[in-house]
Amino acid sequence: MNAETGRKLIVAYIARGLAHEVASGLHERLGLDALHYSHGRGSGTMHTMTGSEMTEVDFLSVVVTEAQAEEVFAFMYEAGQIGRPGGGLIAQLPLRRAAAIGLSLPAEPAA
């Protein structure tokens, strides 16, 4: 698989309750229908030191082509309200790199 046809994994950690709305937008506006969302809770270093409650977040992940990656990333960033203080975190990486951690990868397709 060459760089032009590679896939990207985009993962966002956003405020609890937003993942369904963002996922619906990805489907309705960008035609994506292969994504995953869930929720969890945790606390960062500052929460542990101050004794604060745990924070609940939604996780949303999607695999896209390189051609879609920038548009999808921007949409998730805006719709997930990541740009505001405490808004969350979003990351993008080549899917091949994500799968390489401890997993055997399928053979490259024959040319």
N, C-alpha and C. Protein backbone atom coordinates (compact mmCIF):
# COMPACT_ATOMS: atom_id res chain seq x y z
N MET A 1 0.85 -1.17 0.00
CA MET A 1 0.00 0.00 0.00
C MET A 1 0.89 1.23 0.00
N ASN A 2 0.72 2.13 -0.96
CA ASN A 2 1.57 3.31 -1.02
C ASN A 2 0.97 4.46 -0.22
N ALA A 3 1.72 5.56 -0.10
CA ALA A 3 1.30 6.68 0.75
C ALA A 3 -0.02 7.29 0.29
N GLU A 4 -0.30 7.28 -1.02
CA GLU A 4 -1.53 7.90 -1.51
C GLU A 4 -2.78 7.09 -1.18
N THR A 5 -2.63 5.79 -0.99
CA THR A 5 -3.80 4.96 -0.72
C THR A 5 -3.84 4.45 0.70
N GLY A 6 -2.98 4.95 1.57
CA GLY A 6 -2.94 4.52 2.95
C GLY A 6 -4.19 4.94 3.71
N ARG A 7 -4.37 4.36 4.85
CA ARG A 7 -5.50 4.67 5.73
C ARG A 7 -4.99 5.38 6.97
N LYS A 8 -5.86 6.18 7.57
CA LYS A 8 -5.55 6.89 8.80
C LYS A 8 -6.55 6.50 9.88
N LEU A 9 -6.08 6.41 11.10
CA LEU A 9 -6.93 6.22 12.26
C LEU A 9 -7.03 7.57 12.97
N ILE A 10 -8.24 8.04 13.16
CA ILE A 10 -8.47 9.29 13.89
C ILE A 10 -9.24 8.93 15.15
N VAL A 11 -8.72 9.33 16.31
CA VAL A 11 -9.34 9.05 17.60
C VAL A 11 -9.53 10.36 18.34
N ALA A 12 -10.74 10.56 18.85
CA ALA A 12 -11.03 11.77 19.62
C ALA A 12 -11.57 11.38 21.00
N TYR A 13 -11.11 12.10 22.00
CA TYR A 13 -11.62 12.00 23.36
C TYR A 13 -12.34 13.31 23.60
N ILE A 14 -13.66 13.24 23.71
CA ILE A 14 -14.46 14.46 23.79
C ILE A 14 -15.40 14.43 24.99
N ALA A 15 -16.03 15.57 25.26
CA ALA A 15 -16.93 15.68 26.41
C ALA A 15 -18.03 14.62 26.34
N ARG A 16 -18.36 14.07 27.48
CA ARG A 16 -19.40 13.03 27.59
C ARG A 16 -20.70 13.52 26.96
N GLY A 17 -21.26 12.67 26.10
CA GLY A 17 -22.52 12.99 25.47
C GLY A 17 -22.43 13.53 24.06
N LEU A 18 -21.22 13.83 23.58
CA LEU A 18 -21.06 14.41 22.24
C LEU A 18 -20.79 13.39 21.14
N ALA A 19 -20.33 12.21 21.48
CA ALA A 19 -19.89 11.25 20.46
C ALA A 19 -21.02 10.87 19.50
N HIS A 20 -22.21 10.64 20.01
CA HIS A 20 -23.31 10.26 19.12
C HIS A 20 -23.61 11.37 18.12
N GLU A 21 -23.62 12.61 18.59
CA GLU A 21 -23.87 13.75 17.70
C GLU A 21 -22.77 13.88 16.63
N VAL A 22 -21.53 13.75 17.03
CA VAL A 22 -20.42 13.84 16.08
C VAL A 22 -20.47 12.67 15.09
N ALA A 23 -20.74 11.47 15.59
CA ALA A 23 -20.84 10.29 14.72
C ALA A 23 -21.97 10.46 13.70
N SER A 24 -23.10 10.99 14.15
CA SER A 24 -24.22 11.24 13.23
C SER A 24 -23.82 12.24 12.15
N GLY A 25 -23.10 13.28 12.55
CA GLY A 25 -22.62 14.27 11.59
C GLY A 25 -21.65 13.68 10.58
N LEU A 26 -20.76 12.81 11.05
CA LEU A 26 -19.83 12.15 10.13
C LEU A 26 -20.57 11.32 9.10
N HIS A 27 -21.64 10.68 9.54
CA HIS A 27 -22.44 9.87 8.62
C HIS A 27 -23.25 10.74 7.66
N GLU A 28 -23.96 11.71 8.20
CA GLU A 28 -24.85 12.53 7.38
C GLU A 28 -24.11 13.47 6.44
N ARG A 29 -23.05 14.10 6.91
CA ARG A 29 -22.36 15.11 6.10
C ARG A 29 -21.22 14.56 5.26
N LEU A 30 -20.54 13.54 5.78
CA LEU A 30 -19.37 13.03 5.06
C LEU A 30 -19.54 11.61 4.55
N GLY A 31 -20.68 10.99 4.82
CA GLY A 31 -20.96 9.67 4.30
C GLY A 31 -20.21 8.53 4.96
N LEU A 32 -19.65 8.76 6.13
CA LEU A 32 -18.90 7.70 6.82
C LEU A 32 -19.86 6.85 7.64
N ASP A 33 -19.69 5.54 7.53
CA ASP A 33 -20.56 4.67 8.31
C ASP A 33 -19.80 3.57 9.05
N ALA A 34 -18.48 3.61 9.02
CA ALA A 34 -17.66 2.64 9.74
C ALA A 34 -16.88 3.39 10.81
N LEU A 35 -17.48 3.52 11.98
CA LEU A 35 -16.83 4.21 13.09
C LEU A 35 -17.24 3.55 14.40
N HIS A 36 -16.56 3.93 15.46
CA HIS A 36 -16.84 3.35 16.76
C HIS A 36 -16.86 4.45 17.81
N TYR A 37 -17.84 4.40 18.69
CA TYR A 37 -17.79 5.29 19.83
C TYR A 37 -18.25 4.59 21.10
N SER A 38 -17.72 5.08 22.20
CA SER A 38 -18.00 4.53 23.52
C SER A 38 -17.73 5.61 24.55
N HIS A 39 -17.73 5.25 25.80
CA HIS A 39 -17.39 6.24 26.82
C HIS A 39 -16.62 5.57 27.95
N GLY A 40 -15.98 6.42 28.74
CA GLY A 40 -15.21 5.95 29.87
C GLY A 40 -14.98 7.09 30.84
N ARG A 41 -14.20 6.82 31.84
CA ARG A 41 -13.89 7.87 32.81
C ARG A 41 -12.48 7.69 33.33
N GLY A 42 -11.93 8.76 33.82
CA GLY A 42 -10.58 8.72 34.33
C GLY A 42 -10.21 10.07 34.91
N SER A 43 -8.98 10.18 35.33
CA SER A 43 -8.50 11.45 35.87
C SER A 43 -7.04 11.62 35.48
N GLY A 44 -6.68 12.84 35.25
CA GLY A 44 -5.30 13.15 34.90
C GLY A 44 -4.48 13.39 36.16
N THR A 45 -3.23 13.74 35.97
CA THR A 45 -2.32 13.97 37.09
C THR A 45 -2.82 15.08 38.00
N MET A 46 -3.31 16.16 37.43
CA MET A 46 -3.79 17.27 38.26
C MET A 46 -5.01 16.87 39.08
N HIS A 47 -5.90 16.06 38.51
CA HIS A 47 -7.06 15.61 39.26
C HIS A 47 -6.63 14.74 40.44
N THR A 48 -5.64 13.89 40.22
CA THR A 48 -5.15 13.02 41.29
C THR A 48 -4.55 13.84 42.42
N MET A 49 -3.76 14.87 42.07
CA MET A 49 -3.11 15.68 43.09
C MET A 49 -4.11 16.53 43.87
N THR A 50 -5.17 16.98 43.21
CA THR A 50 -6.14 17.85 43.88
C THR A 50 -7.30 17.08 44.50
N GLY A 51 -7.39 15.78 44.22
CA GLY A 51 -8.46 14.98 44.78
C GLY A 51 -9.79 15.20 44.07
N SER A 52 -9.76 15.71 42.87
CA SER A 52 -10.99 15.97 42.12
C SER A 52 -11.66 14.67 41.68
N GLU A 53 -12.92 14.79 41.36
CA GLU A 53 -13.68 13.66 40.83
C GLU A 53 -13.14 13.22 39.48
N MET A 54 -13.48 12.01 39.10
CA MET A 54 -13.11 11.52 37.78
C MET A 54 -13.96 12.23 36.73
N THR A 55 -13.40 12.35 35.54
CA THR A 55 -14.08 12.99 34.43
C THR A 55 -14.57 11.92 33.47
N GLU A 56 -15.81 12.06 32.99
CA GLU A 56 -16.33 11.14 32.00
C GLU A 56 -16.11 11.72 30.62
N VAL A 57 -15.71 10.87 29.67
CA VAL A 57 -15.47 11.29 28.30
C VAL A 57 -16.05 10.27 27.34
N ASP A 58 -16.25 10.72 26.10
CA ASP A 58 -16.62 9.83 25.01
C ASP A 58 -15.38 9.60 24.17
N PHE A 59 -15.27 8.41 23.60
CA PHE A 59 -14.20 8.07 22.67
C PHE A 59 -14.86 7.86 21.31
N LEU A 60 -14.30 8.44 20.31
CA LEU A 60 -14.82 8.28 18.95
C LEU A 60 -13.65 7.99 18.03
N SER A 61 -13.71 6.89 17.29
CA SER A 61 -12.63 6.57 16.37
C SER A 61 -13.19 6.20 15.01
N VAL A 62 -12.41 6.53 13.98
CA VAL A 62 -12.82 6.28 12.61
C VAL A 62 -11.57 6.03 11.77
N VAL A 63 -11.69 5.12 10.81
CA VAL A 63 -10.62 4.85 9.86
C VAL A 63 -11.04 5.45 8.53
N VAL A 64 -10.16 6.26 7.95
CA VAL A 64 -10.45 6.95 6.69
C VAL A 64 -9.27 6.83 5.73
N THR A 65 -9.51 7.16 4.49
CA THR A 65 -8.42 7.23 3.53
C THR A 65 -7.61 8.49 3.80
N GLU A 66 -6.40 8.53 3.27
CA GLU A 66 -5.59 9.75 3.42
C GLU A 66 -6.29 10.94 2.79
N ALA A 67 -7.02 10.73 1.70
CA ALA A 67 -7.71 11.82 1.03
C ALA A 67 -8.82 12.41 1.90
N GLN A 68 -9.43 11.61 2.77
CA GLN A 68 -10.50 12.07 3.65
C GLN A 68 -9.99 12.63 4.97
N ALA A 69 -8.77 12.29 5.34
CA ALA A 69 -8.27 12.52 6.70
C ALA A 69 -8.38 13.97 7.17
N GLU A 70 -7.95 14.92 6.37
CA GLU A 70 -7.95 16.31 6.82
C GLU A 70 -9.37 16.82 7.05
N GLU A 71 -10.28 16.51 6.14
CA GLU A 71 -11.66 16.96 6.28
C GLU A 71 -12.34 16.32 7.49
N VAL A 72 -12.14 15.04 7.69
CA VAL A 72 -12.74 14.33 8.82
C VAL A 72 -12.16 14.84 10.14
N PHE A 73 -10.84 15.01 10.18
CA PHE A 73 -10.19 15.53 11.39
C PHE A 73 -10.76 16.89 11.75
N ALA A 74 -10.86 17.80 10.76
CA ALA A 74 -11.40 19.14 11.02
C ALA A 74 -12.84 19.08 11.49
N PHE A 75 -13.64 18.22 10.88
CA PHE A 75 -15.03 18.09 11.30
C PHE A 75 -15.13 17.61 12.74
N MET A 76 -14.37 16.56 13.07
CA MET A 76 -14.41 16.02 14.43
C MET A 76 -13.92 17.05 15.44
N TYR A 77 -12.91 17.82 15.08
CA TYR A 77 -12.37 18.85 15.97
C TYR A 77 -13.45 19.89 16.29
N GLU A 78 -14.12 20.37 15.24
CA GLU A 78 -15.15 21.41 15.43
C GLU A 78 -16.40 20.85 16.12
N ALA A 79 -16.95 19.76 15.58
CA ALA A 79 -18.18 19.21 16.13
C ALA A 79 -17.99 18.68 17.55
N GLY A 80 -16.79 18.19 17.85
CA GLY A 80 -16.50 17.69 19.19
C GLY A 80 -16.11 18.76 20.18
N GLN A 81 -16.07 20.01 19.72
CA GLN A 81 -15.75 21.17 20.57
C GLN A 81 -14.40 21.01 21.26
N ILE A 82 -13.44 20.47 20.53
CA ILE A 82 -12.13 20.20 21.10
C ILE A 82 -11.32 21.48 21.31
N GLY A 83 -11.60 22.54 20.55
CA GLY A 83 -10.84 23.77 20.66
C GLY A 83 -11.11 24.60 21.89
N ARG A 84 -12.11 24.24 22.68
CA ARG A 84 -12.41 25.03 23.89
C ARG A 84 -11.61 24.46 25.07
N PRO A 85 -11.41 25.26 26.13
CA PRO A 85 -10.70 24.75 27.30
C PRO A 85 -11.38 23.50 27.86
N GLY A 86 -10.61 22.46 28.08
CA GLY A 86 -11.16 21.21 28.60
C GLY A 86 -11.94 20.43 27.57
N GLY A 87 -11.82 20.82 26.30
CA GLY A 87 -12.63 20.23 25.24
C GLY A 87 -12.24 18.83 24.80
N GLY A 88 -11.08 18.38 25.13
CA GLY A 88 -10.71 17.03 24.76
C GLY A 88 -9.41 16.95 23.99
N LEU A 89 -9.26 15.87 23.28
CA LEU A 89 -8.03 15.57 22.57
C LEU A 89 -8.37 14.80 21.30
N ILE A 90 -7.67 15.10 20.22
CA ILE A 90 -7.86 14.35 18.98
C ILE A 90 -6.48 14.01 18.42
N ALA A 91 -6.36 12.81 17.88
CA ALA A 91 -5.08 12.37 17.31
C ALA A 91 -5.34 11.62 16.02
N GLN A 92 -4.34 11.69 15.15
CA GLN A 92 -4.41 11.00 13.86
C GLN A 92 -3.08 10.31 13.62
N LEU A 93 -3.14 9.08 13.13
CA LEU A 93 -1.91 8.38 12.80
C LEU A 93 -2.18 7.38 11.68
N PRO A 94 -1.13 6.99 10.96
CA PRO A 94 -1.33 5.99 9.92
C PRO A 94 -1.86 4.70 10.54
N LEU A 95 -2.86 4.12 9.95
CA LEU A 95 -3.45 2.89 10.48
C LEU A 95 -2.41 1.79 10.56
N ARG A 96 -1.52 1.74 9.60
CA ARG A 96 -0.47 0.73 9.60
C ARG A 96 0.38 0.83 10.87
N ARG A 97 0.67 2.04 11.31
CA ARG A 97 1.44 2.22 12.54
C ARG A 97 0.63 1.79 13.75
N ALA A 98 -0.66 2.08 13.76
CA ALA A 98 -1.51 1.71 14.89
C ALA A 98 -1.59 0.19 15.02
N ALA A 99 -1.67 -0.51 13.90
CA ALA A 99 -1.81 -1.96 13.92
C ALA A 99 -0.49 -2.67 14.18
N ALA A 100 0.63 -1.99 13.99
CA ALA A 100 1.93 -2.64 14.10
C ALA A 100 2.32 -2.96 15.53
N ILE A 101 1.64 -2.42 16.49
CA ILE A 101 2.01 -2.64 17.89
C ILE A 101 1.52 -4.02 18.34
N GLY A 102 2.39 -5.00 18.25
CA GLY A 102 2.10 -6.33 18.74
C GLY A 102 1.20 -7.18 17.86
N LEU A 103 0.78 -6.68 16.72
CA LEU A 103 -0.09 -7.46 15.85
C LEU A 103 0.63 -7.75 14.54
N SER A 104 0.40 -8.93 14.02
CA SER A 104 0.96 -9.19 12.70
C SER A 104 0.09 -8.50 11.67
N LEU A 105 0.72 -7.94 10.66
CA LEU A 105 0.00 -7.21 9.62
C LEU A 105 -0.23 -8.11 8.43
N PRO A 106 -1.33 -7.88 7.72
CA PRO A 106 -1.55 -8.67 6.50
C PRO A 106 -0.49 -8.36 5.47
N ALA A 107 -0.24 -9.30 4.59
CA ALA A 107 0.74 -9.10 3.54
C ALA A 107 0.28 -8.00 2.60
N GLU A 108 1.24 -7.29 2.02
CA GLU A 108 0.92 -6.26 1.03
C GLU A 108 0.24 -6.90 -0.17
N PRO A 109 -0.76 -6.22 -0.75
CA PRO A 109 -1.40 -6.80 -1.93
C PRO A 109 -0.41 -6.87 -3.09
N ALA A 110 -0.56 -7.90 -3.90
CA ALA A 110 0.31 -8.05 -5.07
C ALA A 110 0.01 -6.96 -6.07
N ALA A 111 1.05 -6.42 -6.68
CA ALA A 111 0.88 -5.32 -7.65
C ALA A 111 0.32 -5.78 -8.96
